[in-house]
Protein backbone atom coordinates (compact mmCIF):
# COMPACT_ATOMS: atom_id res chain seq x y z
CA MET A 1 0.00 0.00 0.00
CA ASN A 2 1.02 3.64 -0.18
CA GLY A 3 1.36 6.14 2.66
CA ALA A 4 -2.18 7.43 2.32
CA GLN A 5 -3.66 3.94 2.51
CA LEU A 6 -1.53 3.25 5.59
CA ILE A 7 -2.94 6.36 7.27
CA VAL A 8 -6.49 5.15 6.64
CA GLN A 9 -5.59 1.76 8.07
CA VAL A 10 -4.03 3.26 11.21
CA LEU A 11 -7.03 5.54 11.74
CA ALA A 12 -9.33 2.54 11.49
CA GLU A 13 -7.21 0.61 13.99
CA HIS A 14 -7.65 3.50 16.43
CA GLU A 15 -11.41 3.02 16.06
CA VAL A 16 -11.94 6.39 14.39
CA GLU A 17 -15.63 6.74 13.51
CA VAL A 18 -15.67 10.02 11.62
CA VAL A 19 -13.16 12.54 10.28
CA PHE A 20 -13.82 16.09 9.13
CA GLY A 21 -11.98 17.88 6.39
CA ILE A 22 -11.52 19.47 2.98
CA PRO A 23 -9.36 18.15 0.10
CA GLY A 24 -6.70 20.06 -1.82
CA GLY A 25 -3.71 19.48 -4.01
CA ALA A 26 -1.27 18.38 -1.31
CA ASN A 27 -3.59 15.85 0.34
CA LEU A 28 -5.24 14.40 -2.77
CA PRO A 29 -3.61 10.97 -2.28
CA LEU A 30 -5.18 10.78 1.17
CA TYR A 31 -8.61 11.65 -0.19
CA HIS A 32 -8.18 9.00 -2.87
CA ALA A 33 -7.56 6.47 -0.09
CA LEU A 34 -10.49 7.74 1.99
CA THR A 35 -12.94 6.41 -0.61
CA GLU A 36 -12.11 2.92 0.74
CA ALA A 37 -12.13 3.92 4.43
CA PRO A 38 -14.30 1.93 6.87
CA PHE A 39 -15.16 5.15 8.71
CA ARG A 40 -17.11 8.24 7.72
CA HIS A 41 -15.66 11.41 6.21
CA VAL A 42 -17.65 14.65 6.47
CA LEU A 43 -16.84 17.28 3.88
CA CYS A 44 -16.99 20.62 5.69
CA ARG A 45 -17.27 24.06 4.11
CA HIS A 46 -14.27 25.62 5.87
CA GLU A 47 -11.26 24.13 7.61
CA GLN A 48 -12.02 26.04 10.81
CA GLY A 49 -15.41 24.33 10.82
CA ALA A 50 -13.71 20.95 10.33
CA GLY A 51 -11.39 21.62 13.26
CA HIS A 52 -14.19 22.66 15.60
CA ALA A 53 -16.28 19.66 14.49
CA ALA A 54 -13.39 17.40 15.50
CA GLU A 55 -13.31 19.20 18.85
CA GLY A 56 -17.05 18.75 19.29
CA TYR A 57 -16.71 15.02 18.63
CA ALA A 58 -13.82 14.77 21.09
CA LYS A 59 -15.54 16.81 23.81
CA ALA A 60 -18.74 14.77 23.49
CA THR A 61 -16.97 11.41 23.72
CA GLY A 62 -13.60 11.94 25.40
CA ARG A 63 -12.03 10.22 22.41
CA VAL A 64 -9.59 11.66 19.87
CA GLY A 65 -11.21 13.82 17.18
CA VAL A 66 -9.65 14.03 13.71
CA ALA A 67 -9.60 16.84 11.14
CA ILE A 68 -7.87 16.96 7.76
CA ALA A 69 -6.67 19.94 5.69
CA THR A 70 -4.46 20.55 2.71
CA SER A 71 -1.28 22.61 2.76
CA GLY A 72 -0.98 26.39 2.86
CA PRO A 73 -4.35 28.06 3.47
CA GLY A 74 -5.90 24.75 4.47
CA ALA A 75 -3.41 24.47 7.32
CA THR A 76 -3.63 28.12 8.34
CA ASN A 77 -7.42 27.94 8.43
CA LEU A 78 -7.10 25.16 11.02
CA THR A 79 -5.00 27.22 13.42
CA THR A 80 -7.94 28.71 15.35
CA ALA A 81 -9.33 25.25 16.08
CA ILE A 82 -5.86 23.99 17.03
CA ALA A 83 -5.35 26.86 19.49
CA ASP A 84 -8.85 26.30 20.87
CA ALA A 85 -8.10 22.60 21.42
CA MET A 86 -4.84 23.47 23.15
CA LEU A 87 -6.38 25.86 25.67
CA ASP A 88 -9.27 23.50 26.44
CA SER A 89 -7.12 20.33 26.51
CA VAL A 90 -9.09 18.61 23.73
CA PRO A 91 -7.70 15.30 22.37
CA THR A 92 -7.39 15.99 18.65
CA VAL A 93 -5.19 14.97 15.72
CA PHE A 94 -4.89 17.35 12.78
CA LEU A 95 -3.61 15.78 9.54
CA VAL A 96 -2.14 18.49 7.31
CA GLY A 97 -0.93 18.07 3.76
CA GLN A 98 2.32 19.60 2.57
CA VAL A 99 4.17 20.20 -0.70
CA ARG A 100 6.60 17.53 -1.91
CA THR A 101 9.73 17.10 0.19
CA ASP A 102 11.92 18.38 -2.66
CA LEU A 103 9.93 21.65 -2.62
CA LEU A 104 10.12 22.27 1.12
CA GLY A 105 11.61 25.69 1.77
CA THR A 106 11.24 26.89 -1.85
CA ASP A 107 7.98 28.82 -1.32
CA GLY A 108 6.25 26.38 -3.62
CA PHE A 109 2.57 26.73 -4.47
CA GLN A 110 0.48 26.52 -1.28
CA GLU A 111 3.50 25.95 0.92
CA ALA A 112 3.29 27.17 4.49
CA ASP A 113 5.31 26.02 7.47
CA ALA A 114 2.38 24.47 9.35
CA LEU A 115 4.69 22.96 11.95
CA GLY A 116 6.35 26.29 12.69
CA ILE A 117 3.10 28.27 12.61
CA THR A 118 1.36 25.96 15.07
CA LEU A 119 4.34 25.22 17.33
CA PRO A 120 3.15 27.46 20.21
CA ILE A 121 -0.41 26.06 20.12
CA VAL A 122 0.10 22.29 20.00
CA LYS A 123 0.86 19.61 22.54
CA HIS A 124 3.17 18.03 19.97
CA SER A 125 3.74 17.99 16.21
CA PHE A 126 5.34 15.86 13.51
CA LEU A 127 6.70 16.63 10.04
CA VAL A 128 6.84 13.24 8.32
CA ARG A 129 9.70 13.45 5.80
CA ASP A 130 9.99 9.72 5.11
CA HIS A 131 7.24 7.22 4.34
CA GLU A 132 8.74 4.78 6.86
CA GLU A 133 7.87 7.26 9.65
CA ILE A 134 4.12 7.43 8.92
CA GLU A 135 2.89 4.64 11.16
CA GLU A 136 5.07 5.58 14.12
CA ALA A 137 4.20 9.29 13.87
CA LEU A 138 0.46 8.67 13.60
CA THR A 139 0.37 6.07 16.39
CA GLN A 140 2.33 8.35 18.68
CA ALA A 141 0.10 11.27 17.73
CA PHE A 142 -3.01 9.45 18.97
CA TYR A 143 -1.25 8.37 22.16
CA ILE A 144 0.03 11.86 22.94
CA ALA A 145 -3.26 13.56 22.08
CA GLY A 146 -5.32 11.32 24.36
CA SER A 147 -3.04 10.62 27.33
CA GLY A 148 -1.94 12.70 30.30
CA ARG A 149 -3.33 16.18 29.83
CA PRO A 150 -5.03 15.82 26.41
CA GLY A 151 -4.34 18.23 23.59
CA PRO A 152 -3.92 18.79 19.84
CA VAL A 153 -1.24 17.05 17.78
CA VAL A 154 -0.41 18.20 14.24
CA VAL A 155 0.91 15.66 11.73
CA GLU A 156 2.23 17.34 8.57
CA ILE A 157 2.72 14.96 5.62
CA PRO A 158 4.17 15.94 2.22
CA GLN A 159 2.37 14.76 -0.90
CA ASP A 160 5.16 12.48 -2.11
CA VAL A 161 5.23 10.73 1.28
CA LEU A 162 1.51 10.04 0.91
CA ARG A 163 2.14 8.48 -2.52
CA ALA A 164 5.18 6.39 -1.60
CA GLU A 165 4.87 2.62 -1.21
CA VAL A 166 5.21 1.55 2.41
CA GLY A 167 4.91 -1.48 4.66
CA ARG A 168 3.86 -1.85 8.31
CA THR A 169 6.39 -0.99 11.00
CA HIS A 170 6.51 -1.48 14.75
CA SER A 171 5.41 1.60 16.70
CA ASP A 172 7.27 2.04 19.98
CA MET A 173 5.10 3.87 22.54
CA THR A 174 7.94 4.37 25.02
CA LEU A 175 8.47 8.07 24.46
CA ALA A 176 11.50 9.64 26.09
CA GLY A 177 10.50 12.65 28.16
CA TYR A 178 6.79 11.88 28.03
CA GLN A 179 5.64 9.73 30.93
CA PRO A 180 2.46 11.26 32.40
CA THR A 181 1.95 10.56 36.09
CA LYS A 182 -1.28 8.65 36.65
CA GLU A 183 -1.14 7.72 40.32
CA GLY A 184 -0.91 10.60 42.76
CA ASN A 185 1.53 10.39 45.66
CA TYR A 186 -0.02 8.43 48.55
CA ARG A 187 1.39 10.69 51.27
CA GLN A 188 0.19 13.83 49.52
CA ILE A 189 -3.31 12.38 49.14
CA LYS A 190 -3.30 11.43 52.84
CA ARG A 191 -2.23 14.98 53.75
CA ALA A 192 -5.05 16.33 51.60
CA ALA A 193 -7.60 14.08 53.32
CA GLN A 194 -6.40 15.19 56.76
CA ALA A 195 -6.66 18.85 55.72
CA ILE A 196 -10.24 18.32 54.50
CA ALA A 197 -11.28 16.46 57.64
CA SER A 198 -10.00 19.27 59.86
CA SER A 199 -11.35 22.12 57.72
CA LYS A 200 -14.36 24.22 58.70
CA LYS A 201 -15.17 25.85 55.35
CA PRO A 202 -14.01 23.61 52.46
CA VAL A 203 -14.97 23.88 48.77
CA LEU A 204 -14.28 21.30 46.05
CA TYR A 205 -13.50 23.28 42.89
CA THR A 206 -13.41 21.18 39.69
CA GLY A 207 -12.46 22.02 36.12
CA GLY A 208 -12.43 20.35 32.73
CA GLY A 209 -9.70 18.01 33.92
CA ALA A 210 -12.19 16.34 36.28
CA LEU A 211 -14.82 15.41 33.67
CA ASN A 212 -13.72 11.78 33.79
CA ALA A 213 -13.96 11.79 37.58
CA SER A 214 -17.66 12.57 37.95
CA ARG A 215 -18.28 9.42 40.03
CA GLU A 216 -15.48 10.36 42.40
CA VAL A 217 -16.68 13.96 42.64
CA LYS A 218 -20.18 12.76 43.50
CA ALA A 219 -18.78 10.49 46.21
CA LEU A 220 -17.07 13.48 47.81
CA ALA A 221 -20.19 15.61 47.40
CA ASP A 222 -22.20 12.87 49.11
CA LEU A 223 -19.95 13.33 52.15
CA GLY A 224 -21.15 16.94 52.31
CA LEU A 225 -18.37 18.77 50.47
CA PRO A 226 -19.72 21.86 48.65
CA VAL A 227 -18.87 21.67 44.94
CA THR A 228 -18.40 24.31 42.27
CA SER A 229 -17.20 23.75 38.69
CA THR A 230 -15.64 26.06 36.13
CA VAL A 231 -17.35 26.68 32.81
CA MET A 232 -15.28 23.77 31.42
CA GLY A 233 -16.27 21.43 34.25
CA LEU A 234 -20.04 21.91 34.29
CA GLY A 235 -21.83 18.58 34.53
CA THR A 236 -19.06 16.93 36.54
CA LEU A 237 -21.57 17.06 39.40
CA SER A 238 -25.26 17.17 38.55
CA ALA A 239 -26.89 20.56 39.10
CA GLU A 240 -29.60 18.63 40.98
CA HIS A 241 -27.18 17.49 43.70
CA PRO A 242 -27.69 19.26 47.04
CA SER A 243 -23.96 20.02 47.29
CA TRP A 244 -23.95 21.99 44.03
CA LEU A 245 -23.14 25.70 44.39
CA GLY A 246 -23.30 26.73 40.74
CA MET A 247 -20.50 27.99 38.52
CA PRO A 248 -17.85 30.37 39.94
CA GLY A 249 -16.12 33.24 38.21
CA MET A 250 -16.91 36.38 36.30
CA HIS A 251 -20.53 35.38 35.60
CA GLY A 252 -20.85 32.69 38.24
CA THR A 253 -23.30 32.56 41.11
CA ARG A 254 -22.75 34.71 44.15
CA THR A 255 -22.95 31.57 46.27
CA ALA A 256 -20.06 29.90 44.43
CA ASN A 257 -17.91 33.03 44.44
CA TYR A 258 -18.59 33.96 48.04
CA SER A 259 -17.89 30.36 49.09
CA LEU A 260 -14.49 30.41 47.41
CA ASP A 261 -13.77 33.85 48.82
CA GLN A 262 -14.49 32.81 52.42
CA ALA A 263 -13.30 29.19 52.28
CA ASP A 264 -10.55 27.99 54.58
CA LEU A 265 -9.68 25.14 52.19
CA ILE A 266 -10.06 24.80 48.42
CA ILE A 267 -9.63 21.39 46.78
CA ALA A 268 -8.91 22.18 43.12
CA ALA A 269 -9.22 19.15 40.83
CA GLY A 270 -8.42 19.46 37.13
CA ALA A 271 -8.77 23.25 37.26
CA ARG A 272 -6.11 25.82 36.44
CA PHE A 273 -7.26 28.90 38.39
CA ASP A 274 -8.02 30.86 35.24
CA ASP A 275 -8.34 34.63 35.58
CA ARG A 276 -12.05 34.40 34.78
CA VAL A 277 -12.45 32.50 38.06
CA THR A 278 -9.88 34.12 40.33
CA GLY A 279 -10.43 37.76 39.41
CA LYS A 280 -7.78 39.79 41.22
CA LEU A 281 -5.18 37.13 41.98
CA ASP A 282 -3.75 38.60 45.17
CA GLU A 283 -7.25 38.83 46.66
CA PHE A 284 -8.46 35.37 45.60
CA ALA A 285 -9.55 33.19 48.55
CA PRO A 286 -7.34 35.08 51.01
CA GLY A 287 -8.00 32.72 53.94
CA ALA A 288 -7.83 29.41 52.11
CA LYS A 289 -5.23 26.73 51.96
CA ILE A 290 -5.02 25.15 48.49
CA ILE A 291 -4.98 21.47 47.59
CA HIS A 292 -4.24 21.30 43.86
CA ILE A 293 -4.77 18.01 41.99
CA ASP A 294 -3.78 17.95 38.33
CA VAL A 295 -2.23 15.54 35.84
CA ASP A 296 -0.14 18.40 34.43
CA PRO A 297 2.60 19.39 36.90
CA ALA A 298 3.08 22.69 35.04
CA GLU A 299 -0.33 23.83 36.30
CA ILE A 300 0.48 23.28 39.97
CA SER A 301 1.12 26.68 41.61
CA LYS A 302 1.22 28.40 38.21
CA ASN A 303 -1.37 31.01 39.16
CA VAL A 304 -2.23 30.23 42.79
CA ALA A 305 0.31 28.71 45.18
CA ALA A 306 -0.60 25.18 46.28
CA HIS A 307 -0.07 24.18 49.90
CA ILE A 308 -0.67 20.50 49.12
CA PRO A 309 0.17 19.66 45.47
CA VAL A 310 -0.91 16.30 44.07
CA VAL A 311 0.23 15.36 40.56
CA GLY A 312 -1.85 12.61 38.97
CA GLU A 313 -5.05 11.79 37.15
CA THR A 314 -8.06 13.25 38.91
CA THR A 315 -9.98 9.95 38.77
CA TYR A 316 -7.27 8.11 40.69
CA CYS A 317 -6.51 10.93 43.11
CA LEU A 318 -10.13 11.73 44.03
CA HIS A 319 -10.95 8.04 44.46
CA HIS A 320 -8.13 7.56 46.93
CA LEU A 321 -8.90 10.88 48.59
CA HIS A 322 -12.44 9.61 49.21
CA LEU A 323 -11.10 6.37 50.67
CA GLN A 324 -8.81 8.30 53.01
CA LEU A 325 -11.67 10.55 54.11
CA LYS A 326 -13.84 7.53 54.87
CA GLU A 327 -11.05 6.14 57.05
CA LEU A 328 -10.97 9.47 58.91
CA GLY A 329 -14.69 9.31 59.58
CA GLY A 330 -16.23 10.73 56.41
CA GLU A 331 -18.04 14.01 56.94
CA GLY A 332 -16.29 16.92 58.60
CA ASP A 333 -17.68 19.56 60.94
CA TRP A 334 -19.31 21.65 58.18
CA GLU A 335 -22.80 22.34 59.55
CA ASP A 336 -22.16 26.04 60.22
CA TRP A 337 -20.56 26.38 56.79
CA TRP A 338 -23.60 24.91 55.10
CA GLN A 339 -25.89 27.26 57.02
CA GLN A 340 -23.94 30.18 55.59
CA ILE A 341 -24.02 28.69 52.09
CA LYS A 342 -27.77 28.12 52.24
CA GLN A 343 -28.24 31.70 53.39
CA TRP A 344 -26.37 32.93 50.29
CA GLN A 345 -28.43 30.61 48.07
CA GLU A 346 -31.66 32.04 49.45
CA GLN A 347 -30.45 35.63 49.37
CA TYR A 348 -28.79 35.60 45.94
CA PRO A 349 -30.60 33.29 43.50
CA LEU A 350 -30.10 33.76 39.78
CA ARG A 351 -32.84 36.09 38.62
CA TYR A 352 -33.92 38.41 35.83
CA GLN A 353 -36.77 40.84 35.27
CA PRO A 354 -39.30 39.79 32.58
CA GLU A 355 -40.33 42.47 30.10
CA PRO A 356 -43.93 42.43 28.79
CA GLY A 357 -44.12 41.60 25.10
CA ARG A 358 -40.36 40.96 24.79
CA ILE A 359 -38.34 37.77 25.13
CA LYS A 360 -35.52 37.80 27.65
CA PRO A 361 -32.59 35.53 26.69
CA GLN A 362 -32.65 33.87 30.11
CA GLN A 363 -36.29 32.97 29.44
CA ALA A 364 -35.30 31.26 26.19
CA ILE A 365 -32.70 29.11 27.99
CA GLU A 366 -35.11 28.25 30.80
CA THR A 367 -37.76 27.22 28.26
CA LEU A 368 -35.23 25.09 26.38
CA ALA A 369 -34.23 23.41 29.65
CA ALA A 370 -37.86 22.71 30.56
CA LEU A 371 -38.84 21.30 27.16
CA THR A 372 -35.74 19.07 26.96
CA GLU A 373 -36.09 18.13 30.65
CA GLY A 374 -32.44 19.07 31.05
CA GLU A 375 -31.48 16.08 28.91
CA ALA A 376 -30.07 17.75 25.77
CA VAL A 377 -26.38 18.07 24.95
CA ILE A 378 -25.73 21.80 24.68
CA CYS A 379 -23.00 23.15 22.40
CA SER A 380 -22.55 26.85 22.94
CA ASP A 381 -20.94 29.58 20.93
CA VAL A 382 -19.18 32.38 22.82
CA GLY A 383 -20.75 35.45 24.40
CA GLN A 384 -23.58 36.39 26.72
CA HIS A 385 -25.70 33.42 25.63
CA GLN A 386 -22.83 31.11 26.67
CA MET A 387 -22.96 32.48 30.21
CA TRP A 388 -26.76 32.35 30.33
CA CYS A 389 -26.60 28.68 29.30
CA ALA A 390 -24.03 28.01 32.03
CA GLN A 391 -26.28 29.76 34.55
CA TYR A 392 -29.76 28.54 33.59
CA TYR A 393 -29.37 25.10 31.99
CA PRO A 394 -29.17 22.36 34.68
CA PHE A 395 -26.38 20.11 33.42
CA LYS A 396 -26.65 16.60 34.83
CA TRP A 397 -23.65 14.67 33.52
CA PRO A 398 -20.15 15.31 32.17
CA ARG A 399 -19.75 16.15 28.47
CA GLN A 400 -23.34 17.35 28.31
CA TRP A 401 -22.00 20.90 28.00
CA ILE A 402 -19.61 21.73 25.14
CA ASN A 403 -18.17 25.21 24.75
CA SER A 404 -15.01 27.14 23.97
CA GLY A 405 -13.63 28.18 27.33
CA GLY A 406 -9.95 29.11 27.18
CA LEU A 407 -9.77 30.72 23.75
CA GLY A 408 -13.37 31.95 23.71
CA THR A 409 -13.76 31.31 19.99
CA MET A 410 -16.77 32.91 18.34
CA GLY A 411 -18.00 30.59 15.59
CA PHE A 412 -17.33 27.48 17.69
CA GLY A 413 -20.95 26.55 18.42
CA LEU A 414 -22.31 25.36 15.07
CA PRO A 415 -19.43 23.14 13.91
CA SER A 416 -18.79 21.72 17.38
CA GLY A 417 -22.49 20.85 17.60
CA MET A 418 -22.16 19.10 14.26
CA GLY A 419 -19.31 16.97 15.61
CA ALA A 420 -21.18 16.22 18.83
CA GLN A 421 -24.34 15.20 16.98
CA LEU A 422 -22.39 12.76 14.81
CA ALA A 423 -20.78 11.34 17.95
CA LEU A 424 -24.17 11.01 19.67
CA PRO A 425 -26.67 10.22 16.88
CA GLU A 426 -29.46 9.18 19.26
CA GLN A 427 -29.11 12.22 21.51
CA THR A 428 -30.80 15.62 21.17
CA VAL A 429 -27.93 18.03 20.52
CA VAL A 430 -28.55 21.78 20.54
CA THR A 431 -26.22 24.57 19.49
CA VAL A 432 -27.01 27.81 21.31
CA ALA A 433 -25.45 30.72 19.46
CA GLY A 434 -25.55 34.47 19.20
CA ASP A 435 -25.92 36.27 15.89
CA GLY A 436 -22.34 37.57 16.11
CA GLY A 437 -20.79 34.13 16.49
CA LEU A 438 -23.12 32.17 14.24
CA ILE A 439 -22.44 34.28 11.16
CA MET A 440 -18.73 33.43 11.42
CA THR A 441 -19.31 29.75 10.60
CA ALA A 442 -22.92 29.84 9.35
CA VAL A 443 -21.86 28.21 6.08
CA GLU A 444 -21.61 24.88 7.94
CA MET A 445 -25.42 24.77 7.90
CA SER A 446 -24.88 23.53 4.36
CA THR A 447 -22.83 20.63 5.79
CA LEU A 448 -25.72 19.80 8.12
CA ALA A 449 -28.11 19.73 5.19
CA GLU A 450 -25.85 17.70 2.90
CA ASN A 451 -25.34 15.03 5.57
CA ASN A 452 -28.78 15.30 7.20
CA ILE A 453 -27.22 15.90 10.61
CA PRO A 454 -30.23 16.70 12.85
CA LEU A 455 -28.52 19.41 14.92
CA LYS A 456 -30.85 22.04 16.37
CA ILE A 457 -29.59 25.65 16.37
CA LEU A 458 -31.11 28.08 18.87
CA LEU A 459 -30.10 31.58 17.77
CA ILE A 460 -30.27 34.16 20.56
CA ASN A 461 -30.41 37.26 18.37
CA ASN A 462 -29.76 40.56 20.13
CA GLY A 463 -28.55 42.38 17.04
CA GLY A 464 -24.86 42.61 17.87
CA PHE A 465 -21.88 41.57 19.96
CA GLY A 466 -23.75 41.55 23.26
CA MET A 467 -20.87 40.89 25.65
CA VAL A 468 -18.71 43.61 24.06
CA ARG A 469 -21.67 46.01 24.18
CA GLN A 470 -22.13 45.22 27.88
CA TRP A 471 -18.51 46.06 28.63
CA GLN A 472 -18.72 49.28 26.63
CA GLU A 473 -21.85 50.22 28.58
CA LEU A 474 -20.38 49.48 32.00
CA PHE A 475 -16.71 50.41 31.62
CA TYR A 476 -16.45 52.71 28.59
CA ASP A 477 -19.16 55.28 29.43
CA GLU A 478 -21.64 53.80 26.93
CA ASN A 479 -19.33 54.72 24.05
CA TYR A 480 -20.59 52.00 21.72
CA SER A 481 -18.08 51.22 18.99
CA SER A 482 -18.60 48.59 16.27
CA VAL A 483 -20.92 46.31 18.26
CA PHE A 484 -24.23 46.54 16.38
CA LEU A 485 -24.71 44.20 13.41
CA GLY A 486 -27.86 45.72 12.01
CA GLU A 487 -30.83 43.98 10.41
CA THR A 488 -29.31 42.82 7.12
CA ILE A 489 -29.49 39.08 7.81
CA GLN A 490 -32.84 37.34 7.52
CA TRP A 491 -31.90 34.24 9.45
CA PRO A 492 -34.76 31.90 8.53
CA LEU A 493 -34.18 32.69 4.85
CA LEU A 494 -30.42 32.13 5.22
CA ALA A 495 -31.05 28.79 6.93
CA ARG A 496 -33.40 27.68 4.17
CA ALA A 497 -30.99 28.89 1.49
CA LEU A 498 -28.34 26.64 3.04
CA GLY A 499 -30.73 23.71 3.08
CA ILE A 500 -32.10 23.50 6.63
CA HIS A 501 -35.37 24.44 8.30
CA GLY A 502 -35.57 28.01 9.60
CA ALA A 503 -38.08 29.93 11.73
CA SER A 504 -38.27 32.96 14.05
CA VAL A 505 -40.09 33.89 17.23
CA TYR A 506 -40.54 37.39 18.65
CA ASN A 507 -43.43 37.02 21.09
CA PRO A 508 -42.85 35.47 24.54
CA ASP A 509 -46.34 33.98 24.42
CA GLU A 510 -45.29 31.91 21.39
CA LEU A 511 -41.85 30.93 22.68
CA GLU A 512 -42.74 27.56 24.18
CA LYS A 513 -44.70 26.38 21.13
CA GLU A 514 -42.01 27.52 18.68
CA ILE A 515 -39.23 25.80 20.65
CA GLN A 516 -41.29 22.61 20.86
CA ASP A 517 -41.96 22.65 17.09
CA TRP A 518 -38.28 23.32 16.39
CA LEU A 519 -37.15 20.47 18.66
CA SER A 520 -39.64 18.15 16.96
CA HIS A 521 -38.33 18.84 13.45
CA PRO A 522 -36.80 15.59 12.13
CA GLY A 523 -33.73 17.19 10.51
CA PRO A 524 -31.40 20.12 11.12
CA ALA A 525 -33.27 23.26 12.09
CA LEU A 526 -32.66 26.84 13.17
CA LEU A 527 -34.91 28.88 15.44
CA GLU A 528 -34.15 32.58 15.70
CA VAL A 529 -35.26 34.02 19.05
CA ARG A 530 -35.37 37.81 18.93
CA VAL A 531 -34.48 38.94 22.43
CA VAL A 532 -34.17 42.22 24.30
CA GLU A 533 -31.14 43.91 22.75
CA ASN A 534 -29.70 45.64 25.82
CA GLU A 535 -30.02 42.82 28.36
CA ASN A 536 -26.85 42.42 30.42
CA CYS A 537 -25.43 39.22 31.84
CA TYR A 538 -25.39 39.35 35.64
CA PRO A 539 -24.07 38.77 38.21
CA MET A 540 -20.63 39.91 37.14
CA ILE A 541 -17.18 40.39 38.62
CA PRO A 542 -15.56 43.38 36.87
CA ALA A 543 -12.19 42.56 35.32
CA GLY A 544 -9.43 42.80 37.92
CA ALA A 545 -11.83 42.88 40.88
CA ALA A 546 -12.27 40.34 43.67
CA ALA A 547 -15.18 37.90 44.01
CA ARG A 548 -16.65 39.90 46.87
CA ASP A 549 -17.02 42.87 44.47
CA MET A 550 -19.67 41.26 42.24
CA ILE A 551 -22.20 43.59 40.63
CA GLY A 552 -25.72 43.12 39.27
């Protein structure tokens, strides 16, 4: 076989179900081989869409997502998705074509140094210069992408390497310098358990790195530990659990933020103390000792100093932490702490003021949650609607909530929803998007139509870049600059022009019926919900402020 056929075979052996991509001159041999592939290829309309679709598949399943692009502009169009996958630790492999090896460095047609361009935004990368390296590079790429702290791996393959005849080789998975720690140190875990047992005001703070440890998180919550999760970790503990505090951070609940602010012990698991959670770093949780559990040692004490660091997989570490706590008697003396927490919950619930004859965006999310019984997989774009989803949709299990957290990529919602829907064909998958983000990758509605992917798109249309407008209102003296998108797009017509069902709703009295009809549509469908244009997302911690300084 040739190199391209070998790639297809290796992908199949890694149980790849679907790949996303676009052909071009440099990767034509691979696309020739894909016609015989035992897995599905989805032809996207833009490489960024293909990359985000691979992310959506990976986030929905925890498995490695795969995207393919040609050289030059194909590779550069993937860079946003690669950076997004890096910041959100998404297991992905990006296969990038390249000009022939004899043309490397000559500025040949559609040549771009994909390896060099993406070097700061990948977990690892390969430039395969010899056909004998294909199997080893690809096998290692899957291993690196999915192990330890997951992330994107770029494999750049010149056209002549794809065409060359090749045989099977042995792939050695003993990689010098890459040995992720799985089992946390026993003594450190025991120290952590003792600190929890003696604490008076503990909080378990989980991030995206704890999604695989939902059972262990629930076991700790069942002991009475209050739990909060970052925007990447929502669903790790069901929102219906009595220990759930809501999301912390800039648009988190007051209960979660006040709990972190006044805690005497924070157990961080798979979270990196992002600035959107900590606010002003030197005022974050001033009275708390920090237990930091993470598989990536580089994250320990990077932003917030850890008093008890534990390097290892969160599943292992939290399981053994629970065992140690049980040996120490289980529940701590947290009754007074819970009385304070319940007081905050009663005093500061999430709320908004309805407006007669107008739809509030929070109302749209609440209606969606009610009609789906909180059972839909939600793929969000980036902006105010993302935060309203995080606030008002009651996520029950891990990977039910898919969004762009670290990079905050507008345009992420539609293609990631496409990838998630293909990963979960029997599940209701909904993309919630704003008009500003959806227009950036709206062309992928054509991909939905072509492949009859029954993704549902809920468009929260406020006529502009709502989060930017909110900041300009609050912090720039209402000097609105380049945030209003106007009325030029007729969204239902655009949806129908791209091959999917489209409808609009303006009246709150019709909202429930229209959402129900939209959810019941058998194929891909878009529902535009025209909402109050100047609604702000509250509560909010102003940038650089402390949690105790929340407004709204």
